[in-house]
Amino acid sequence: MEGQLQRVVGRNLRRIRLQRGHSQEAFADVLGVHRTYLGSVERGERNLTLRTVEHLADQLGVEPIGLLVDE
């Protein structure tokens, strides 16, 4: 299904954000991105590069695969 992996990454980011008790704006600051960009990633609207996935995972202190696996 096209775009499925984008949605999985978005759901995982949202799950991590909520687990850590951050607003979207605060979480965007943690990741070093703009809030509207984070929102579009969480909705699965962004086609992220592997480099971006690695960067997000590094900022969160998780393995990149953790953002890619559908839980």
PDB file of N, CA and C in Angstrom:
ATOM      1  N   MET A   1       0.850  -1.170   0.000  1.00  0.00           N
ATOM      2  CA  MET A   1       0.000   0.000   0.000  1.00  0.00           C
ATOM      3  C   MET A   1       0.900   1.238   0.000  1.00  0.00           C
ATOM      4  N   GLU A   2       0.731   2.070  -0.982  1.00  0.00           N
ATOM      5  CA  GLU A   2       1.572   3.245  -1.144  1.00  0.00           C
ATOM      6  C   GLU A   2       1.383   4.232   0.002  1.00  0.00           C
ATOM      7  N   GLY A   3       2.499   4.705   0.542  1.00  0.00           N
ATOM      8  CA  GLY A   3       2.458   5.667   1.626  1.00  0.00           C
ATOM      9  C   GLY A   3       2.298   5.058   3.007  1.00  0.00           C
ATOM     10  N   GLN A   4       2.178   3.740   3.078  1.00  0.00           N
ATOM     11  CA  GLN A   4       1.960   3.081   4.368  1.00  0.00           C
ATOM     12  C   GLN A   4       3.119   3.336   5.333  1.00  0.00           C
ATOM     13  N   LEU A   5       4.341   3.259   4.848  1.00  0.00           N
ATOM     14  CA  LEU A   5       5.495   3.454   5.716  1.00  0.00           C
ATOM     15  C   LEU A   5       5.536   4.881   6.269  1.00  0.00           C
ATOM     16  N   GLN A   6       5.123   5.856   5.472  1.00  0.00           N
ATOM     17  CA  GLN A   6       5.046   7.238   5.953  1.00  0.00           C
ATOM     18  C   GLN A   6       4.080   7.338   7.124  1.00  0.00           C
ATOM     19  N   ARG A   7       2.946   6.667   7.006  1.00  0.00           N
ATOM     20  CA  ARG A   7       1.952   6.696   8.085  1.00  0.00           C
ATOM     21  C   ARG A   7       2.462   5.978   9.330  1.00  0.00           C
ATOM     22  N   VAL A   8       3.213   4.888   9.146  1.00  0.00           N
ATOM     23  CA  VAL A   8       3.780   4.152  10.282  1.00  0.00           C
ATOM     24  C   VAL A   8       4.757   5.048  11.039  1.00  0.00           C
ATOM     25  N   VAL A   9       5.639   5.713  10.325  1.00  0.00           N
ATOM     26  CA  VAL A   9       6.597   6.616  10.976  1.00  0.00           C
ATOM     27  C   VAL A   9       5.842   7.709  11.729  1.00  0.00           C
ATOM     28  N   GLY A  10       4.832   8.269  11.102  1.00  0.00           N
ATOM     29  CA  GLY A  10       4.046   9.312  11.751  1.00  0.00           C
ATOM     30  C   GLY A  10       3.367   8.834  13.020  1.00  0.00           C
ATOM     31  N   ARG A  11       2.772   7.640  12.962  1.00  0.00           N
ATOM     32  CA  ARG A  11       2.108   7.088  14.156  1.00  0.00           C
ATOM     33  C   ARG A  11       3.123   6.842  15.266  1.00  0.00           C
ATOM     34  N   ASN A  12       4.292   6.330  14.902  1.00  0.00           N
ATOM     35  CA  ASN A  12       5.319   6.061  15.915  1.00  0.00           C
ATOM     36  C   ASN A  12       5.825   7.352  16.552  1.00  0.00           C
ATOM     37  N   LEU A  13       6.027   8.388  15.746  1.00  0.00           N
ATOM     38  CA  LEU A  13       6.445   9.669  16.309  1.00  0.00           C
ATOM     39  C   LEU A  13       5.380  10.218  17.254  1.00  0.00           C
ATOM     40  N   ARG A  14       4.134  10.128  16.839  1.00  0.00           N
ATOM     41  CA  ARG A  14       3.036  10.622  17.686  1.00  0.00           C
ATOM     42  C   ARG A  14       2.970   9.819  18.995  1.00  0.00           C
ATOM     43  N   ARG A  15       3.105   8.505  18.893  1.00  0.00           N
ATOM     44  CA  ARG A  15       3.082   7.652  20.088  1.00  0.00           C
ATOM     45  C   ARG A  15       4.194   8.052  21.057  1.00  0.00           C
ATOM     46  N   ILE A  16       5.408   8.226  20.533  1.00  0.00           N
ATOM     47  CA  ILE A  16       6.544   8.607  21.376  1.00  0.00           C
ATOM     48  C   ILE A  16       6.293   9.979  21.996  1.00  0.00           C
ATOM     49  N   ARG A  17       5.776  10.915  21.197  1.00  0.00           N
ATOM     50  CA  ARG A  17       5.490  12.261  21.707  1.00  0.00           C
ATOM     51  C   ARG A  17       4.510  12.206  22.868  1.00  0.00           C
ATOM     52  N   LEU A  18       3.428  11.451  22.685  1.00  0.00           N
ATOM     53  CA  LEU A  18       2.421  11.360  23.738  1.00  0.00           C
ATOM     54  C   LEU A  18       2.946  10.641  24.969  1.00  0.00           C
ATOM     55  N   GLN A  19       3.749   9.590  24.765  1.00  0.00           N
ATOM     56  CA  GLN A  19       4.337   8.876  25.899  1.00  0.00           C
ATOM     57  C   GLN A  19       5.225   9.790  26.730  1.00  0.00           C
ATOM     58  N   ARG A  20       5.895  10.706  26.072  1.00  0.00           N
ATOM     59  CA  ARG A  20       6.803  11.624  26.764  1.00  0.00           C
ATOM     60  C   ARG A  20       6.092  12.876  27.272  1.00  0.00           C
ATOM     61  N   GLY A  21       4.809  12.985  26.975  1.00  0.00           N
ATOM     62  CA  GLY A  21       4.006  14.087  27.496  1.00  0.00           C
ATOM     63  C   GLY A  21       4.278  15.437  26.856  1.00  0.00           C
ATOM     64  N   HIS A  22       4.696  15.435  25.590  1.00  0.00           N
ATOM     65  CA  HIS A  22       5.004  16.683  24.892  1.00  0.00           C
ATOM     66  C   HIS A  22       3.834  17.131  24.029  1.00  0.00           C
ATOM     67  N   SER A  23       3.676  18.437  23.926  1.00  0.00           N
ATOM     68  CA  SER A  23       2.789  18.984  22.904  1.00  0.00           C
ATOM     69  C   SER A  23       3.512  18.849  21.573  1.00  0.00           C
ATOM     70  N   GLN A  24       2.789  19.047  20.498  1.00  0.00           N
ATOM     71  CA  GLN A  24       3.429  18.986  19.183  1.00  0.00           C
ATOM     72  C   GLN A  24       4.512  20.059  19.064  1.00  0.00           C
ATOM     73  N   GLU A  25       4.237  21.238  19.593  1.00  0.00           N
ATOM     74  CA  GLU A  25       5.196  22.334  19.514  1.00  0.00           C
ATOM     75  C   GLU A  25       6.461  22.031  20.318  1.00  0.00           C
ATOM     76  N   ALA A  26       6.296  21.516  21.534  1.00  0.00           N
ATOM     77  CA  ALA A  26       7.452  21.183  22.369  1.00  0.00           C
ATOM     78  C   ALA A  26       8.266  20.049  21.746  1.00  0.00           C
ATOM     79  N   PHE A  27       7.572  19.060  21.188  1.00  0.00           N
ATOM     80  CA  PHE A  27       8.259  17.923  20.579  1.00  0.00           C
ATOM     81  C   PHE A  27       9.015  18.369  19.327  1.00  0.00           C
ATOM     82  N   ALA A  28       8.423  19.284  18.569  1.00  0.00           N
ATOM     83  CA  ALA A  28       9.105  19.827  17.395  1.00  0.00           C
ATOM     84  C   ALA A  28      10.401  20.512  17.811  1.00  0.00           C
ATOM     85  N   ASP A  29      10.368  21.233  18.924  1.00  0.00           N
ATOM     86  CA  ASP A  29      11.582  21.878  19.438  1.00  0.00           C
ATOM     87  C   ASP A  29      12.644  20.840  19.790  1.00  0.00           C
ATOM     88  N   VAL A  30      12.232  19.743  20.423  1.00  0.00           N
ATOM     89  CA  VAL A  30      13.163  18.661  20.769  1.00  0.00           C
ATOM     90  C   VAL A  30      13.819  18.109  19.505  1.00  0.00           C
ATOM     91  N   LEU A  31      13.030  17.961  18.445  1.00  0.00           N
ATOM     92  CA  LEU A  31      13.527  17.386  17.201  1.00  0.00           C
ATOM     93  C   LEU A  31      14.256  18.399  16.320  1.00  0.00           C
ATOM     94  N   GLY A  32      14.106  19.671  16.632  1.00  0.00           N
ATOM     95  CA  GLY A  32      14.744  20.707  15.826  1.00  0.00           C
ATOM     96  C   GLY A  32      14.028  20.965  14.514  1.00  0.00           C
ATOM     97  N   VAL A  33      12.695  20.807  14.511  1.00  0.00           N
ATOM     98  CA  VAL A  33      11.897  21.049  13.315  1.00  0.00           C
ATOM     99  C   VAL A  33      10.746  21.994  13.668  1.00  0.00           C
ATOM    100  N   HIS A  34      10.066  22.502  12.657  1.00  0.00           N
ATOM    101  CA  HIS A  34       8.918  23.381  12.876  1.00  0.00           C
ATOM    102  C   HIS A  34       7.689  22.540  13.218  1.00  0.00           C
ATOM    103  N   ARG A  35       6.799  23.104  14.015  1.00  0.00           N
ATOM    104  CA  ARG A  35       5.597  22.399  14.455  1.00  0.00           C
ATOM    105  C   ARG A  35       4.735  21.949  13.282  1.00  0.00           C
ATOM    106  N   THR A  36       4.595  22.775  12.258  1.00  0.00           N
ATOM    107  CA  THR A  36       3.755  22.377  11.124  1.00  0.00           C
ATOM    108  C   THR A  36       4.384  21.218  10.353  1.00  0.00           C
ATOM    109  N   TYR A  37       5.708  21.189  10.299  1.00  0.00           N
ATOM    110  CA  TYR A  37       6.400  20.077   9.649  1.00  0.00           C
ATOM    111  C   TYR A  37       6.145  18.792  10.431  1.00  0.00           C
ATOM    112  N   LEU A  38       6.286  18.855  11.765  1.00  0.00           N
ATOM    113  CA  LEU A  38       6.040  17.676  12.590  1.00  0.00           C
ATOM    114  C   LEU A  38       4.606  17.187  12.413  1.00  0.00           C
ATOM    115  N   GLY A  39       3.662  18.107  12.365  1.00  0.00           N
ATOM    116  CA  GLY A  39       2.267  17.719  12.166  1.00  0.00           C
ATOM    117  C   GLY A  39       2.067  16.967  10.861  1.00  0.00           C
ATOM    118  N   SER A  40       2.708  17.445   9.804  1.00  0.00           N
ATOM    119  CA  SER A  40       2.555  16.767   8.505  1.00  0.00           C
ATOM    120  C   SER A  40       3.245  15.410   8.504  1.00  0.00           C
ATOM    121  N   VAL A  41       4.335  15.271   9.268  1.00  0.00           N
ATOM    122  CA  VAL A  41       4.992  13.965   9.394  1.00  0.00           C
ATOM    123  C   VAL A  41       4.081  13.014  10.166  1.00  0.00           C
ATOM    124  N   GLU A  42       3.518  13.481  11.273  1.00  0.00           N
ATOM    125  CA  GLU A  42       2.633  12.633  12.080  1.00  0.00           C
ATOM    126  C   GLU A  42       1.402  12.176  11.285  1.00  0.00           C
ATOM    127  N   ARG A  43       0.946  13.001  10.358  1.00  0.00           N
ATOM    128  CA  ARG A  43      -0.209  12.625   9.535  1.00  0.00           C
ATOM    129  C   ARG A  43       0.184  11.758   8.349  1.00  0.00           C
ATOM    130  N   GLY A  44       1.470  11.498   8.174  1.00  0.00           N
ATOM    131  CA  GLY A  44       1.932  10.657   7.075  1.00  0.00           C
ATOM    132  C   GLY A  44       1.940  11.357   5.741  1.00  0.00           C
ATOM    133  N   GLU A  45       2.021  12.671   5.757  1.00  0.00           N
ATOM    134  CA  GLU A  45       1.977  13.461   4.532  1.00  0.00           C
ATOM    135  C   GLU A  45       3.368  13.729   3.944  1.00  0.00           C
ATOM    136  N   ARG A  46       4.404  13.472   4.699  1.00  0.00           N
ATOM    137  CA  ARG A  46       5.775  13.755   4.252  1.00  0.00           C
ATOM    138  C   ARG A  46       6.468  12.483   3.807  1.00  0.00           C
ATOM    139  N   ASN A  47       7.148  12.571   2.685  1.00  0.00           N
ATOM    140  CA  ASN A  47       7.945  11.458   2.182  1.00  0.00           C
ATOM    141  C   ASN A  47       9.368  11.652   2.699  1.00  0.00           C
ATOM    142  N   LEU A  48       9.662  11.082   3.857  1.00  0.00           N
ATOM    143  CA  LEU A  48      10.944  11.294   4.521  1.00  0.00           C
ATOM    144  C   LEU A  48      12.060  10.492   3.864  1.00  0.00           C
ATOM    145  N   THR A  49      13.252  11.061   3.870  1.00  0.00           N
ATOM    146  CA  THR A  49      14.421  10.309   3.431  1.00  0.00           C
ATOM    147  C   THR A  49      14.890   9.432   4.581  1.00  0.00           C
ATOM    148  N   LEU A  50      15.684   8.434   4.261  1.00  0.00           N
ATOM    149  CA  LEU A  50      16.265   7.592   5.317  1.00  0.00           C
ATOM    150  C   LEU A  50      17.146   8.426   6.231  1.00  0.00           C
ATOM    151  N   ARG A  51      17.818   9.396   5.684  1.00  0.00           N
ATOM    152  CA  ARG A  51      18.663  10.289   6.488  1.00  0.00           C
ATOM    153  C   ARG A  51      17.822  11.045   7.516  1.00  0.00           C
ATOM    154  N   THR A  52      16.646  11.488   7.106  1.00  0.00           N
ATOM    155  CA  THR A  52      15.756  12.188   8.028  1.00  0.00           C
ATOM    156  C   THR A  52      15.269  11.252   9.124  1.00  0.00           C
ATOM    157  N   VAL A  53      14.916  10.022   8.762  1.00  0.00           N
ATOM    158  CA  VAL A  53      14.485   9.034   9.757  1.00  0.00           C
ATOM    159  C   VAL A  53      15.618   8.796  10.758  1.00  0.00           C
ATOM    160  N   GLU A  54      16.837   8.676  10.256  1.00  0.00           N
ATOM    161  CA  GLU A  54      17.992   8.490  11.146  1.00  0.00           C
ATOM    162  C   GLU A  54      18.165   9.689  12.078  1.00  0.00           C
ATOM    163  N   HIS A  55      17.997  10.889  11.545  1.00  0.00           N
ATOM    164  CA  HIS A  55      18.138  12.102  12.358  1.00  0.00           C
ATOM    165  C   HIS A  55      17.069  12.142  13.461  1.00  0.00           C
ATOM    166  N   LEU A  56      15.825  11.867  13.082  1.00  0.00           N
ATOM    167  CA  LEU A  56      14.746  11.873  14.071  1.00  0.00           C
ATOM    168  C   LEU A  56      15.002  10.837  15.161  1.00  0.00           C
ATOM    169  N   ALA A  57      15.411   9.643  14.764  1.00  0.00           N
ATOM    170  CA  ALA A  57      15.698   8.582  15.729  1.00  0.00           C
ATOM    171  C   ALA A  57      16.832   8.990  16.659  1.00  0.00           C
ATOM    172  N   ASP A  58      17.865   9.601  16.108  1.00  0.00           N
ATOM    173  CA  ASP A  58      19.000  10.050  16.913  1.00  0.00           C
ATOM    174  C   ASP A  58      18.557  11.101  17.936  1.00  0.00           C
ATOM    175  N   GLN A  59      17.741  12.046  17.500  1.00  0.00           N
ATOM    176  CA  GLN A  59      17.241  13.083  18.411  1.00  0.00           C
ATOM    177  C   GLN A  59      16.384  12.488  19.533  1.00  0.00           C
ATOM    178  N   LEU A  60      15.723  11.369  19.233  1.00  0.00           N
ATOM    179  CA  LEU A  60      14.844  10.722  20.225  1.00  0.00           C
ATOM    180  C   LEU A  60      15.567   9.690  21.072  1.00  0.00           C
ATOM    181  N   GLY A  61      16.776   9.306  20.651  1.00  0.00           N
ATOM    182  CA  GLY A  61      17.508   8.277  21.379  1.00  0.00           C
ATOM    183  C   GLY A  61      16.942   6.887  21.159  1.00  0.00           C
ATOM    184  N   VAL A  62      16.408   6.652  19.956  1.00  0.00           N
ATOM    185  CA  VAL A  62      15.880   5.327  19.606  1.00  0.00           C
ATOM    186  C   VAL A  62      16.575   4.848  18.344  1.00  0.00           C
ATOM    187  N   GLU A  63      16.454   3.559  18.067  1.00  0.00           N
ATOM    188  CA  GLU A  63      16.994   3.010  16.827  1.00  0.00           C
ATOM    189  C   GLU A  63      16.063   3.393  15.676  1.00  0.00           C
ATOM    190  N   PRO A  64      16.605   3.688  14.503  1.00  0.00           N
ATOM    191  CA  PRO A  64      15.757   4.052  13.364  1.00  0.00           C
ATOM    192  C   PRO A  64      14.683   3.007  13.059  1.00  0.00           C
ATOM    193  N   ILE A  65      14.996   1.738  13.218  1.00  0.00           N
ATOM    194  CA  ILE A  65      14.024   0.688  12.946  1.00  0.00           C
ATOM    195  C   ILE A  65      12.785   0.835  13.829  1.00  0.00           C
ATOM    196  N   GLY A  66      12.978   1.413  15.009  1.00  0.00           N
ATOM    197  CA  GLY A  66      11.857   1.633  15.914  1.00  0.00           C
ATOM    198  C   GLY A  66      10.813   2.594  15.361  1.00  0.00           C
ATOM    199  N   LEU A  67      11.235   3.464  14.449  1.00  0.00           N
ATOM    200  CA  LEU A  67      10.290   4.381  13.807  1.00  0.00           C
ATOM    201  C   LEU A  67       9.624   3.749  12.591  1.00  0.00           C
ATOM    202  N   LEU A  68      10.226   2.699  12.073  1.00  0.00           N
ATOM    203  CA  LEU A  68       9.744   2.088  10.833  1.00  0.00           C
ATOM    204  C   LEU A  68       8.835   0.880  11.039  1.00  0.00           C
ATOM    205  N   VAL A  69       8.843   0.310  12.240  1.00  0.00           N
ATOM    206  CA  VAL A  69       8.083  -0.905  12.516  1.00  0.00           C
ATOM    207  C   VAL A  69       6.681  -0.543  12.986  1.00  0.00           C
ATOM    208  N   ASP A  70       5.691  -1.172  12.383  1.00  0.00           N
ATOM    209  CA  ASP A  70       4.297  -0.931  12.757  1.00  0.00           C
ATOM    210  C   ASP A  70       3.973  -1.696  14.023  1.00  0.00           C
ATOM    211  N   GLU A  71       3.642  -0.958  15.073  1.00  0.00           N
ATOM    212  CA  GLU A  71       3.347  -1.611  16.361  1.00  0.00           C
ATOM    213  C   GLU A  71       1.877  -1.739  16.604  1.00  0.00           C
TER     214      GLU A  71
END
